[in-house]
N, C-alpha and C. Protein backbone atom coordinates (compact mmCIF):
# COMPACT_ATOMS: atom_id res chain seq x y z
N VAL A 1 -2.82 -20.56 11.84
CA VAL A 1 -3.17 -21.41 10.67
C VAL A 1 -1.88 -21.99 10.03
N GLY A 2 -2.10 -23.05 9.27
CA GLY A 2 -0.98 -23.78 8.66
C GLY A 2 -0.42 -22.83 7.40
N ARG A 3 0.64 -23.14 7.08
CA ARG A 3 1.24 -22.37 5.91
C ARG A 3 0.50 -22.47 4.66
N VAL A 4 0.04 -23.63 4.35
CA VAL A 4 -0.76 -23.88 3.03
C VAL A 4 -2.12 -23.05 3.20
N GLU A 5 -2.75 -23.18 4.33
CA GLU A 5 -4.03 -22.32 4.42
C GLU A 5 -3.74 -20.97 4.38
N ALA A 6 -2.63 -20.43 5.13
CA ALA A 6 -2.30 -18.96 5.14
C ALA A 6 -2.02 -18.45 3.66
N HIS A 7 -1.18 -19.40 2.86
CA HIS A 7 -0.88 -18.89 1.51
C HIS A 7 -2.18 -18.86 0.68
N GLY A 8 -3.03 -19.82 0.93
CA GLY A 8 -4.29 -19.87 0.08
C GLY A 8 -5.11 -18.67 0.36
N MET A 9 -5.12 -18.10 1.62
CA MET A 9 -5.91 -16.91 1.88
C MET A 9 -5.32 -15.75 1.30
N ALA A 10 -3.99 -15.70 1.37
CA ALA A 10 -3.33 -14.50 0.88
C ALA A 10 -3.36 -14.49 -0.63
N PHE A 11 -3.04 -15.64 -1.27
CA PHE A 11 -3.20 -15.67 -2.80
C PHE A 11 -4.50 -15.32 -3.36
N LYS A 12 -5.57 -15.84 -2.62
CA LYS A 12 -7.01 -15.33 -3.00
C LYS A 12 -7.06 -13.91 -2.95
N THR A 13 -6.70 -13.25 -1.85
CA THR A 13 -6.81 -11.85 -1.69
C THR A 13 -6.10 -11.14 -2.87
N VAL A 14 -4.84 -11.52 -3.21
CA VAL A 14 -4.11 -10.94 -4.32
C VAL A 14 -4.83 -11.08 -5.51
N ALA A 15 -5.34 -12.27 -5.76
CA ALA A 15 -6.14 -12.71 -7.08
C ALA A 15 -7.37 -11.75 -7.26
N ASP A 16 -7.92 -11.49 -6.07
CA ASP A 16 -9.22 -10.71 -6.13
C ASP A 16 -9.06 -9.29 -6.55
N THR A 17 -7.76 -8.75 -6.50
CA THR A 17 -7.55 -7.41 -6.97
C THR A 17 -7.99 -7.23 -8.44
N ARG A 18 -8.18 -8.26 -9.19
CA ARG A 18 -8.52 -8.16 -10.60
C ARG A 18 -10.03 -7.70 -10.76
N SER A 19 -10.73 -7.73 -9.61
CA SER A 19 -12.16 -7.33 -9.65
C SER A 19 -12.46 -6.23 -8.66
N GLY A 20 -11.44 -5.71 -7.86
CA GLY A 20 -11.64 -4.55 -7.07
C GLY A 20 -10.54 -4.57 -5.94
N ALA A 21 -10.60 -3.49 -5.18
CA ALA A 21 -9.46 -3.17 -4.25
C ALA A 21 -9.50 -4.32 -3.10
N GLU A 22 -8.32 -4.72 -2.77
CA GLU A 22 -8.09 -5.69 -1.64
C GLU A 22 -7.00 -5.18 -0.85
N CYS A 23 -6.97 -5.56 0.50
CA CYS A 23 -5.92 -5.22 1.33
C CYS A 23 -5.57 -6.44 2.26
N LEU A 24 -4.26 -6.66 2.41
CA LEU A 24 -3.76 -7.80 3.15
C LEU A 24 -2.79 -7.38 4.11
N VAL A 25 -2.96 -7.70 5.52
CA VAL A 25 -1.97 -7.20 6.47
C VAL A 25 -1.48 -8.59 7.11
N VAL A 26 -0.17 -8.61 7.11
CA VAL A 26 0.56 -9.78 7.72
C VAL A 26 1.34 -9.21 9.00
N SER A 27 1.05 -9.67 10.15
CA SER A 27 1.65 -9.17 11.36
C SER A 27 2.31 -10.35 12.16
N GLY A 28 3.35 -9.94 12.86
CA GLY A 28 4.07 -10.89 13.77
C GLY A 28 5.41 -10.46 14.10
N GLY A 29 6.05 -10.95 15.10
CA GLY A 29 7.21 -10.49 15.70
C GLY A 29 8.42 -10.60 14.61
N PRO A 30 9.59 -10.06 15.02
CA PRO A 30 10.70 -10.23 14.16
C PRO A 30 11.16 -11.65 13.97
N GLY A 31 11.54 -11.94 12.72
CA GLY A 31 11.97 -13.33 12.44
C GLY A 31 10.98 -14.37 12.12
N MET A 32 9.68 -13.87 12.00
CA MET A 32 8.59 -14.84 11.81
C MET A 32 8.22 -15.02 10.41
N GLY A 33 9.01 -14.39 9.51
CA GLY A 33 8.87 -14.74 8.07
C GLY A 33 7.82 -13.89 7.30
N LYS A 34 7.61 -12.69 7.92
CA LYS A 34 6.58 -11.72 7.25
C LYS A 34 7.15 -11.27 5.79
N THR A 35 8.49 -10.94 5.75
CA THR A 35 8.95 -10.41 4.48
C THR A 35 9.00 -11.45 3.41
N ARG A 36 9.38 -12.72 3.75
CA ARG A 36 9.30 -13.84 2.83
C ARG A 36 7.85 -13.98 2.39
N PHE A 37 6.94 -14.03 3.29
CA PHE A 37 5.50 -14.22 2.98
C PHE A 37 5.08 -13.22 1.95
N LEU A 38 5.39 -11.85 2.34
CA LEU A 38 5.07 -10.80 1.54
C LEU A 38 5.64 -11.08 0.03
N ASP A 39 6.94 -11.38 -0.12
CA ASP A 39 7.46 -11.53 -1.31
C ASP A 39 6.91 -12.61 -2.19
N GLU A 40 6.47 -13.69 -1.43
CA GLU A 40 5.75 -14.80 -2.12
C GLU A 40 4.38 -14.32 -2.68
N CYS A 41 3.73 -13.44 -1.93
CA CYS A 41 2.41 -12.85 -2.46
C CYS A 41 2.71 -11.99 -3.72
N LEU A 42 3.70 -11.24 -3.64
CA LEU A 42 4.03 -10.42 -4.84
C LEU A 42 4.47 -11.19 -6.00
N ALA A 43 5.14 -12.22 -5.83
CA ALA A 43 5.50 -13.11 -6.91
C ALA A 43 4.27 -13.67 -7.48
N ARG A 44 3.25 -14.09 -6.59
CA ARG A 44 1.95 -14.72 -7.15
C ARG A 44 1.26 -13.61 -7.89
N ALA A 45 1.16 -12.49 -7.38
CA ALA A 45 0.60 -11.36 -8.11
C ALA A 45 1.13 -11.12 -9.46
N ASN A 46 2.44 -11.09 -9.60
CA ASN A 46 3.07 -11.07 -10.94
C ASN A 46 2.56 -12.19 -11.84
N LEU A 47 2.59 -13.38 -11.26
CA LEU A 47 2.14 -14.57 -12.19
C LEU A 47 0.74 -14.37 -12.57
N ASP A 48 -0.16 -13.58 -11.82
CA ASP A 48 -1.50 -13.36 -12.16
C ASP A 48 -1.64 -12.20 -13.01
N GLY A 49 -0.51 -11.50 -13.40
CA GLY A 49 -0.47 -10.49 -14.39
C GLY A 49 -0.51 -9.11 -13.75
N ALA A 50 -0.43 -8.96 -12.45
CA ALA A 50 -0.37 -7.68 -11.78
C ALA A 50 0.89 -7.07 -11.80
N LEU A 51 1.04 -5.70 -11.84
CA LEU A 51 2.22 -4.94 -11.62
C LEU A 51 2.37 -4.88 -10.07
N THR A 52 3.62 -4.96 -9.62
CA THR A 52 3.88 -4.96 -8.17
C THR A 52 5.05 -4.02 -7.85
N TYR A 53 4.86 -3.34 -6.70
CA TYR A 53 5.90 -2.39 -6.27
C TYR A 53 5.92 -2.54 -4.77
N VAL A 54 7.10 -2.35 -4.19
CA VAL A 54 7.22 -2.57 -2.78
C VAL A 54 8.28 -1.49 -2.26
N ALA A 55 7.88 -0.92 -1.13
CA ALA A 55 8.64 -0.02 -0.27
C ALA A 55 8.98 -0.78 0.98
N ARG A 56 10.39 -0.63 1.33
CA ARG A 56 10.84 -1.31 2.61
C ARG A 56 11.48 -0.16 3.41
N PRO A 57 10.55 0.54 4.13
CA PRO A 57 11.10 1.74 5.08
C PRO A 57 12.04 1.27 6.13
N LEU A 58 13.01 2.03 6.48
CA LEU A 58 13.93 1.80 7.56
C LEU A 58 13.47 2.60 8.75
N GLU A 59 14.04 2.38 9.91
CA GLU A 59 13.68 2.95 11.14
C GLU A 59 13.94 4.47 11.05
N SER A 60 15.03 4.87 10.25
CA SER A 60 15.43 6.24 10.11
C SER A 60 14.41 7.07 9.24
N ASP A 61 13.66 6.29 8.48
CA ASP A 61 12.50 7.08 7.69
C ASP A 61 11.39 7.60 8.35
N GLN A 62 11.10 7.17 9.64
CA GLN A 62 9.88 7.54 10.38
C GLN A 62 9.86 9.00 10.47
N ASP A 63 10.85 9.73 10.71
CA ASP A 63 10.79 11.11 10.88
C ASP A 63 11.10 11.99 9.61
N THR A 64 11.11 11.34 8.41
CA THR A 64 11.39 12.07 7.28
C THR A 64 10.05 12.00 6.44
N ALA A 65 9.30 13.14 6.45
CA ALA A 65 8.00 13.17 5.76
C ALA A 65 8.03 12.71 4.21
N TRP A 66 7.26 11.88 3.90
CA TRP A 66 7.11 11.41 2.51
C TRP A 66 8.18 10.51 2.01
N SER A 67 9.00 10.01 3.02
CA SER A 67 10.16 9.16 2.52
C SER A 67 9.67 7.87 2.03
N THR A 68 8.60 7.30 2.54
CA THR A 68 7.98 5.98 2.15
C THR A 68 7.31 6.18 0.71
N MET A 69 6.59 7.30 0.54
CA MET A 69 6.03 7.52 -0.77
C MET A 69 7.08 7.69 -1.77
N ARG A 70 8.22 8.38 -1.52
CA ARG A 70 9.23 8.52 -2.40
C ARG A 70 9.95 7.19 -2.68
N SER A 71 9.99 6.26 -1.76
CA SER A 71 10.50 4.95 -1.87
C SER A 71 9.73 4.19 -2.86
N ILE A 72 8.41 4.14 -2.69
CA ILE A 72 7.56 3.32 -3.55
C ILE A 72 7.59 3.85 -5.09
N VAL A 73 7.69 5.27 -5.14
CA VAL A 73 7.80 5.74 -6.52
C VAL A 73 9.14 5.37 -7.17
N ARG A 74 10.15 5.32 -6.39
CA ARG A 74 11.48 4.85 -6.95
C ARG A 74 11.47 3.43 -7.19
N ALA A 75 10.64 2.75 -6.58
CA ALA A 75 10.59 1.20 -6.78
C ALA A 75 9.91 0.90 -8.10
N GLY A 76 9.47 1.90 -8.79
CA GLY A 76 8.82 1.70 -10.12
C GLY A 76 7.46 2.35 -10.35
N LEU A 77 6.88 2.68 -9.15
CA LEU A 77 5.44 3.12 -9.26
C LEU A 77 5.41 4.46 -10.16
N GLY A 78 6.53 5.20 -10.12
CA GLY A 78 6.63 6.41 -10.83
C GLY A 78 6.74 6.23 -12.33
N ASP A 79 7.02 4.92 -12.78
CA ASP A 79 7.07 4.68 -14.21
C ASP A 79 5.96 3.64 -14.53
N ALA A 80 5.01 3.49 -13.84
CA ALA A 80 3.91 2.50 -14.14
C ALA A 80 3.10 2.92 -15.35
N PRO A 81 2.85 1.97 -16.19
CA PRO A 81 2.07 2.34 -17.38
C PRO A 81 0.71 2.99 -16.93
N GLY A 82 0.38 4.06 -17.67
CA GLY A 82 -1.00 4.69 -17.40
C GLY A 82 -0.88 5.91 -16.58
N MET A 83 0.40 6.16 -15.97
CA MET A 83 0.46 7.26 -15.07
C MET A 83 0.37 8.63 -15.81
N ALA A 84 0.71 8.59 -17.12
CA ALA A 84 0.52 9.87 -17.93
C ALA A 84 -0.90 10.25 -18.00
N GLY A 85 -1.86 9.25 -17.75
CA GLY A 85 -3.17 9.67 -17.83
C GLY A 85 -3.76 10.23 -16.56
N ALA A 86 -3.04 10.44 -15.50
CA ALA A 86 -3.42 11.11 -14.36
C ALA A 86 -3.59 12.53 -14.65
N PRO A 87 -4.38 13.30 -13.87
CA PRO A 87 -4.65 14.72 -14.09
C PRO A 87 -3.36 15.50 -13.88
N PRO A 88 -2.98 16.44 -14.69
CA PRO A 88 -1.73 17.15 -14.57
C PRO A 88 -1.60 17.83 -13.26
N GLN A 89 -2.71 18.32 -12.64
CA GLN A 89 -2.64 18.88 -11.20
C GLN A 89 -2.23 17.96 -10.25
N ALA A 90 -2.70 16.62 -10.35
CA ALA A 90 -2.30 15.60 -9.53
C ALA A 90 -0.83 15.30 -9.60
N LEU A 91 -0.35 15.16 -10.81
CA LEU A 91 1.11 14.91 -11.01
C LEU A 91 1.94 16.01 -10.53
N SER A 92 1.55 17.26 -10.58
CA SER A 92 2.21 18.43 -10.07
C SER A 92 2.17 18.58 -8.64
N THR A 93 1.15 18.16 -8.04
CA THR A 93 1.04 18.04 -6.48
C THR A 93 2.02 17.11 -6.01
N LEU A 94 1.97 15.93 -6.54
CA LEU A 94 2.90 14.80 -6.10
C LEU A 94 4.38 15.14 -6.45
N ALA A 95 4.55 15.78 -7.44
CA ALA A 95 6.02 16.28 -7.80
C ALA A 95 6.56 17.25 -6.70
N ALA A 96 5.73 17.95 -6.04
CA ALA A 96 6.14 18.87 -4.98
C ALA A 96 6.65 18.15 -3.81
N LEU A 97 6.30 16.84 -3.65
CA LEU A 97 6.65 16.11 -2.57
C LEU A 97 7.68 15.00 -2.89
N ILE A 98 7.85 14.75 -4.20
CA ILE A 98 8.73 13.51 -4.60
C ILE A 98 9.62 14.03 -5.82
N PRO A 99 10.99 14.24 -5.37
CA PRO A 99 11.80 14.87 -6.41
C PRO A 99 12.01 14.09 -7.65
N ASP A 100 11.77 12.71 -7.60
CA ASP A 100 11.93 11.89 -8.73
C ASP A 100 10.76 12.29 -9.82
N LEU A 101 9.64 12.84 -9.31
CA LEU A 101 8.55 13.19 -10.19
C LEU A 101 8.81 14.60 -10.67
N ALA A 102 9.53 15.53 -9.70
CA ALA A 102 9.71 16.87 -10.10
C ALA A 102 10.60 17.03 -11.32
N GLN A 103 11.34 15.92 -11.65
CA GLN A 103 12.22 16.05 -12.78
C GLN A 103 11.49 15.93 -14.27
N ARG A 104 10.07 15.44 -13.95
CA ARG A 104 9.30 15.27 -15.33
C ARG A 104 8.09 16.26 -15.31
N PHE A 105 7.57 16.67 -14.08
CA PHE A 105 6.36 17.42 -13.91
C PHE A 105 6.63 18.68 -13.15
N GLU A 106 6.06 19.78 -13.46
CA GLU A 106 6.23 20.95 -12.69
C GLU A 106 5.56 21.03 -11.25
N PRO A 107 6.42 21.04 -10.29
CA PRO A 107 5.87 20.94 -8.91
C PRO A 107 4.88 22.18 -8.58
N VAL A 108 3.88 21.90 -8.01
CA VAL A 108 2.89 22.88 -7.43
C VAL A 108 2.56 22.51 -5.96
N ALA A 109 3.04 23.41 -5.21
CA ALA A 109 2.83 23.06 -3.62
C ALA A 109 1.34 22.80 -3.36
N PRO A 110 1.01 21.73 -2.52
CA PRO A 110 -0.40 21.52 -2.27
C PRO A 110 -0.88 22.52 -1.22
N GLN A 111 -2.13 22.80 -1.30
CA GLN A 111 -2.73 23.75 -0.24
C GLN A 111 -2.94 23.00 1.03
N ASP A 112 -3.26 21.82 1.08
CA ASP A 112 -3.61 21.02 2.28
C ASP A 112 -3.39 19.58 2.09
N SER A 113 -3.62 18.91 3.13
CA SER A 113 -3.39 17.43 3.05
C SER A 113 -4.52 16.80 2.20
N GLY A 114 -5.67 17.27 2.14
CA GLY A 114 -6.79 16.77 1.36
C GLY A 114 -6.49 16.79 -0.08
N GLU A 115 -5.70 17.84 -0.67
CA GLU A 115 -5.29 17.94 -1.91
C GLU A 115 -4.24 16.74 -2.22
N ILE A 116 -3.43 16.50 -1.29
CA ILE A 116 -2.43 15.51 -1.55
C ILE A 116 -3.15 14.12 -1.67
N VAL A 117 -4.16 13.77 -0.82
CA VAL A 117 -4.88 12.63 -0.87
C VAL A 117 -5.60 12.58 -2.28
N GLN A 118 -6.22 13.47 -2.68
CA GLN A 118 -6.84 13.37 -3.91
C GLN A 118 -5.91 13.15 -5.08
N ALA A 119 -4.77 13.74 -4.98
CA ALA A 119 -3.70 13.52 -6.04
C ALA A 119 -3.22 12.21 -6.10
N PHE A 120 -3.01 11.61 -4.95
CA PHE A 120 -2.60 10.13 -4.68
C PHE A 120 -3.63 9.18 -5.32
N VAL A 121 -4.89 9.46 -4.94
CA VAL A 121 -6.06 8.61 -5.50
C VAL A 121 -6.14 8.75 -7.00
N SER A 122 -5.94 9.95 -7.55
CA SER A 122 -6.13 10.17 -9.02
C SER A 122 -4.89 9.40 -9.66
N PHE A 123 -3.75 9.44 -9.09
CA PHE A 123 -2.54 8.83 -9.64
C PHE A 123 -2.84 7.28 -9.67
N LEU A 124 -3.24 6.67 -8.45
CA LEU A 124 -3.51 5.25 -8.48
C LEU A 124 -4.55 4.89 -9.52
N ALA A 125 -5.60 5.71 -9.65
CA ALA A 125 -6.75 5.34 -10.53
C ALA A 125 -6.17 5.31 -12.02
N ALA A 126 -5.31 6.18 -12.36
CA ALA A 126 -4.73 6.28 -13.74
C ALA A 126 -4.01 4.94 -13.91
N ILE A 127 -3.03 4.53 -13.05
CA ILE A 127 -2.24 3.42 -13.22
C ILE A 127 -3.09 1.98 -13.18
N CYS A 128 -4.07 2.09 -12.36
CA CYS A 128 -4.86 0.81 -12.33
C CYS A 128 -5.85 0.75 -13.39
N ASP A 129 -6.00 1.78 -14.25
CA ASP A 129 -6.90 1.73 -15.47
C ASP A 129 -6.34 0.82 -16.41
N GLU A 130 -5.03 0.58 -16.45
CA GLU A 130 -4.34 -0.34 -17.43
C GLU A 130 -4.41 -1.74 -17.06
N GLN A 131 -4.17 -2.02 -15.70
CA GLN A 131 -4.06 -3.42 -15.21
C GLN A 131 -4.02 -3.40 -13.73
N ALA A 132 -4.18 -4.53 -13.14
CA ALA A 132 -4.20 -4.65 -11.83
C ALA A 132 -2.87 -4.27 -11.22
N VAL A 133 -2.85 -3.59 -9.94
CA VAL A 133 -1.56 -3.09 -9.48
C VAL A 133 -1.54 -3.56 -7.93
N VAL A 134 -0.43 -4.03 -7.48
CA VAL A 134 -0.31 -4.40 -6.05
C VAL A 134 0.89 -3.46 -5.51
N ILE A 135 0.54 -2.62 -4.49
CA ILE A 135 1.69 -1.98 -3.80
C ILE A 135 1.87 -2.51 -2.40
N ALA A 136 3.09 -2.68 -1.96
CA ALA A 136 3.31 -3.26 -0.72
C ALA A 136 4.35 -2.41 0.13
N PHE A 137 4.04 -2.52 1.46
CA PHE A 137 4.88 -1.75 2.41
C PHE A 137 5.37 -2.76 3.48
N ASP A 138 6.56 -3.15 3.40
CA ASP A 138 7.19 -4.13 4.26
C ASP A 138 7.68 -3.35 5.58
N ASP A 139 7.28 -3.90 6.78
CA ASP A 139 7.55 -3.14 7.95
C ASP A 139 6.84 -1.79 7.99
N ALA A 140 5.54 -1.74 7.73
CA ALA A 140 4.82 -0.53 7.55
C ALA A 140 4.85 0.26 8.85
N GLN A 141 5.22 -0.25 9.96
CA GLN A 141 5.26 0.48 11.28
C GLN A 141 6.49 1.46 11.21
N LEU A 142 7.39 1.32 10.23
CA LEU A 142 8.52 2.18 10.11
C LEU A 142 8.29 3.27 9.06
N ALA A 143 7.10 3.26 8.43
CA ALA A 143 6.89 4.23 7.51
C ALA A 143 6.57 5.60 8.04
N ASP A 144 6.93 6.68 7.30
CA ASP A 144 6.72 8.08 7.96
C ASP A 144 5.15 8.32 8.01
N ARG A 145 4.88 9.18 9.01
CA ARG A 145 3.51 9.37 9.31
C ARG A 145 2.70 10.12 8.26
N ALA A 146 3.41 10.90 7.53
CA ALA A 146 2.80 11.64 6.37
C ALA A 146 2.30 10.70 5.29
N THR A 147 3.00 9.74 4.88
CA THR A 147 2.63 8.76 3.92
C THR A 147 1.52 7.89 4.51
N LEU A 148 1.65 7.41 5.75
CA LEU A 148 0.58 6.53 6.41
C LEU A 148 -0.72 7.36 6.35
N GLY A 149 -0.73 8.64 6.77
CA GLY A 149 -1.87 9.48 6.87
C GLY A 149 -2.63 9.53 5.46
N VAL A 150 -1.79 9.77 4.43
CA VAL A 150 -2.45 9.78 3.04
C VAL A 150 -3.02 8.38 2.74
N LEU A 151 -2.18 7.32 3.09
CA LEU A 151 -2.78 5.95 2.71
C LEU A 151 -4.09 5.81 3.49
N GLU A 152 -4.14 6.10 4.60
CA GLU A 152 -5.39 5.86 5.52
C GLU A 152 -6.63 6.65 4.88
N ALA A 153 -6.40 7.87 4.47
CA ALA A 153 -7.45 8.77 3.92
C ALA A 153 -7.85 8.26 2.67
N ALA A 154 -6.90 7.59 1.79
CA ALA A 154 -7.14 7.38 0.47
C ALA A 154 -8.02 5.94 0.40
N LEU A 155 -7.89 5.13 1.47
CA LEU A 155 -8.55 3.76 1.43
C LEU A 155 -10.05 3.85 0.96
N PRO A 156 -10.93 4.70 1.61
CA PRO A 156 -12.29 4.70 1.19
C PRO A 156 -12.52 5.04 -0.16
N GLN A 157 -11.63 5.66 -0.86
CA GLN A 157 -11.81 6.13 -2.28
C GLN A 157 -11.14 5.31 -3.27
N ILE A 158 -10.54 4.16 -2.88
CA ILE A 158 -9.90 3.26 -3.94
C ILE A 158 -10.55 1.94 -4.14
N ARG A 159 -11.71 1.84 -3.59
CA ARG A 159 -12.45 0.52 -3.37
C ARG A 159 -12.79 -0.12 -4.81
N ASP A 160 -12.90 0.80 -5.82
CA ASP A 160 -13.38 0.23 -7.10
C ASP A 160 -12.13 0.04 -8.04
N LEU A 161 -10.88 0.34 -7.57
CA LEU A 161 -9.77 0.18 -8.31
C LEU A 161 -9.24 -1.31 -8.38
N LEU A 162 -8.49 -1.63 -9.46
CA LEU A 162 -7.89 -2.91 -9.57
C LEU A 162 -6.59 -2.85 -8.71
N LEU A 163 -6.71 -2.69 -7.39
CA LEU A 163 -5.52 -2.36 -6.52
C LEU A 163 -5.34 -3.26 -5.36
N GLY A 164 -4.25 -3.78 -5.08
CA GLY A 164 -3.92 -4.50 -3.89
C GLY A 164 -3.18 -3.78 -2.99
N ILE A 165 -3.31 -3.69 -1.77
CA ILE A 165 -2.43 -3.15 -0.74
C ILE A 165 -2.00 -4.14 0.23
N LEU A 166 -0.72 -4.39 0.32
CA LEU A 166 -0.13 -5.37 1.23
C LEU A 166 0.69 -4.75 2.29
N LEU A 167 0.57 -4.97 3.45
CA LEU A 167 1.28 -4.42 4.54
C LEU A 167 1.83 -5.56 5.42
N THR A 168 3.04 -5.39 5.98
CA THR A 168 3.64 -6.24 7.16
C THR A 168 3.74 -5.39 8.19
N ASP A 169 3.54 -5.86 9.38
CA ASP A 169 3.61 -4.98 10.64
C ASP A 169 4.18 -5.89 11.76
N ALA A 170 5.19 -5.34 12.42
CA ALA A 170 5.87 -6.19 13.37
C ALA A 170 5.08 -6.25 14.74
N THR A 171 4.52 -5.15 15.10
CA THR A 171 3.71 -5.06 16.34
C THR A 171 2.80 -3.90 16.37
N TYR A 172 1.67 -4.23 17.04
CA TYR A 172 0.67 -3.10 17.09
C TYR A 172 0.94 -2.21 18.26
N ALA A 173 1.86 -2.57 19.15
CA ALA A 173 2.01 -1.67 20.36
C ALA A 173 2.51 -0.27 20.11
N ASN A 174 3.41 -0.15 19.20
CA ASN A 174 4.07 1.19 18.81
C ASN A 174 3.72 1.77 17.51
N ASP A 175 2.58 1.21 16.89
CA ASP A 175 2.31 1.55 15.55
C ASP A 175 1.85 3.07 15.63
N PRO A 176 2.18 3.84 14.56
CA PRO A 176 1.65 5.26 14.40
C PRO A 176 0.11 5.22 14.36
N PRO A 177 -0.58 6.12 14.77
CA PRO A 177 -2.01 6.27 14.80
C PRO A 177 -2.64 5.98 13.38
N ALA A 178 -2.11 6.43 12.38
CA ALA A 178 -2.67 6.19 11.03
C ALA A 178 -2.63 4.78 10.64
N LEU A 179 -1.56 4.04 11.08
CA LEU A 179 -1.45 2.67 10.70
C LEU A 179 -2.41 1.83 11.67
N LEU A 180 -2.56 2.30 12.86
CA LEU A 180 -3.47 1.60 13.77
C LEU A 180 -4.97 1.73 13.18
N ASN A 181 -5.30 2.84 12.65
CA ASN A 181 -6.61 3.05 12.08
C ASN A 181 -6.77 2.12 10.79
N ILE A 182 -5.75 1.98 10.02
CA ILE A 182 -5.84 1.15 8.84
C ILE A 182 -6.02 -0.34 9.38
N LEU A 183 -5.28 -0.70 10.43
CA LEU A 183 -5.52 -2.13 10.83
C LEU A 183 -6.85 -2.26 11.43
N ILE A 184 -7.36 -1.40 12.08
CA ILE A 184 -8.86 -1.42 12.58
C ILE A 184 -9.82 -1.66 11.49
N ALA A 185 -9.49 -0.89 10.49
CA ALA A 185 -10.45 -0.88 9.34
C ALA A 185 -10.36 -2.14 8.67
N VAL A 186 -9.25 -2.80 8.61
CA VAL A 186 -9.15 -4.05 8.00
C VAL A 186 -9.66 -5.18 8.72
N GLU A 187 -9.48 -5.09 10.04
CA GLU A 187 -9.96 -6.13 10.97
C GLU A 187 -11.40 -6.02 11.18
N HIS A 188 -11.98 -4.82 11.29
CA HIS A 188 -13.35 -4.54 11.56
C HIS A 188 -13.92 -3.56 10.55
N PRO A 189 -14.30 -4.07 9.44
CA PRO A 189 -14.72 -3.28 8.37
C PRO A 189 -15.90 -2.50 8.55
N SER A 190 -16.00 -1.25 8.20
CA SER A 190 -17.15 -0.41 8.48
C SER A 190 -17.88 -0.23 7.07
N SER A 191 -18.99 0.39 7.06
CA SER A 191 -19.93 0.44 5.90
C SER A 191 -19.13 1.08 4.78
N TRP A 192 -18.22 2.03 5.07
CA TRP A 192 -17.61 2.70 3.95
C TRP A 192 -16.41 2.04 3.32
N TYR A 193 -15.89 0.79 3.91
CA TYR A 193 -15.00 0.04 3.41
C TYR A 193 -15.75 -1.23 2.71
N THR A 194 -16.22 -1.03 1.34
CA THR A 194 -17.18 -1.93 0.82
C THR A 194 -16.46 -3.07 0.20
N SER A 195 -15.19 -3.03 0.03
CA SER A 195 -14.49 -4.34 -0.47
C SER A 195 -14.37 -5.23 0.67
N GLU A 196 -13.86 -6.44 0.30
CA GLU A 196 -13.76 -7.50 1.42
C GLU A 196 -12.22 -7.29 1.76
N TRP A 197 -12.07 -6.89 3.08
CA TRP A 197 -10.68 -6.82 3.61
C TRP A 197 -10.21 -8.00 4.34
N HIS A 198 -9.02 -8.21 4.46
CA HIS A 198 -8.61 -9.37 5.14
C HIS A 198 -7.42 -9.08 6.08
N ILE A 199 -7.27 -9.90 7.22
CA ILE A 199 -6.12 -9.67 8.01
C ILE A 199 -5.54 -10.96 8.41
N LEU A 200 -4.28 -11.15 8.39
CA LEU A 200 -3.64 -12.32 9.12
C LEU A 200 -3.09 -11.84 10.45
N ALA A 201 -3.84 -12.24 11.48
CA ALA A 201 -3.51 -11.82 12.85
C ALA A 201 -2.29 -12.28 13.17
N GLN A 202 -1.63 -11.79 14.29
CA GLN A 202 -0.38 -12.14 14.78
C GLN A 202 -0.20 -13.62 15.20
N TYR A 203 -1.17 -14.15 15.81
CA TYR A 203 -1.19 -15.48 16.28
C TYR A 203 -1.24 -16.46 15.10
N GLN A 204 -2.01 -16.07 13.94
CA GLN A 204 -2.00 -16.91 12.85
C GLN A 204 -0.63 -17.03 12.09
N LEU A 205 0.15 -15.99 12.04
CA LEU A 205 1.33 -16.01 11.40
C LEU A 205 2.45 -16.71 12.28
N VAL A 206 2.36 -16.44 13.54
CA VAL A 206 3.27 -17.21 14.55
C VAL A 206 3.22 -18.74 14.30
N HIS A 207 1.93 -19.14 14.01
CA HIS A 207 1.80 -20.70 14.03
C HIS A 207 1.93 -21.15 12.61
N ILE A 208 2.43 -20.42 11.69
CA ILE A 208 2.67 -20.97 10.29
C ILE A 208 3.97 -21.73 10.47
N SER A 209 3.93 -23.03 9.86
CA SER A 209 5.02 -23.87 10.25
C SER A 209 5.66 -24.29 8.77
């Protein structure tokens, strides 16, 4: 698609977070402009009144559990308005994984991954109660698998939140399983993804001029 059409699609997706959860995936090879496209979407979200936070994982982060979640918290998500309204247990669970939060909340080790997912969803619900929020993961294929697993499991539970999730992905070939599942859900929505999800496929981004 042309750049104007692509931006129109992306900006509409970002704007729609004011009425419910939306997800946008931008894929394409290195040097195709994914990061710039993502930043333009975030700038538009800011203009529309949304709070925006972005994590930019590095290749070295893949093997460090929760590194990407820590990155998005350090990017400002951990200071988002409304987070104090999250259940104390949720904040304690996340504090056990994220040192930045452990400085403010008593860490309590989670019993299983399901508890982490619920804590993350409760945290997002609290901050999205104040205003629309957009969280972005640039080069999501480099994110650690623990964070991607929680994000995948959380998607069906955030459909009513004023939340946008933006991802860029360099290639499907070597994506972690959780990310592949997210991309499949975005491209082929099932009945439990009730929001309208969007994807900019690789060939669309490649042809943006």
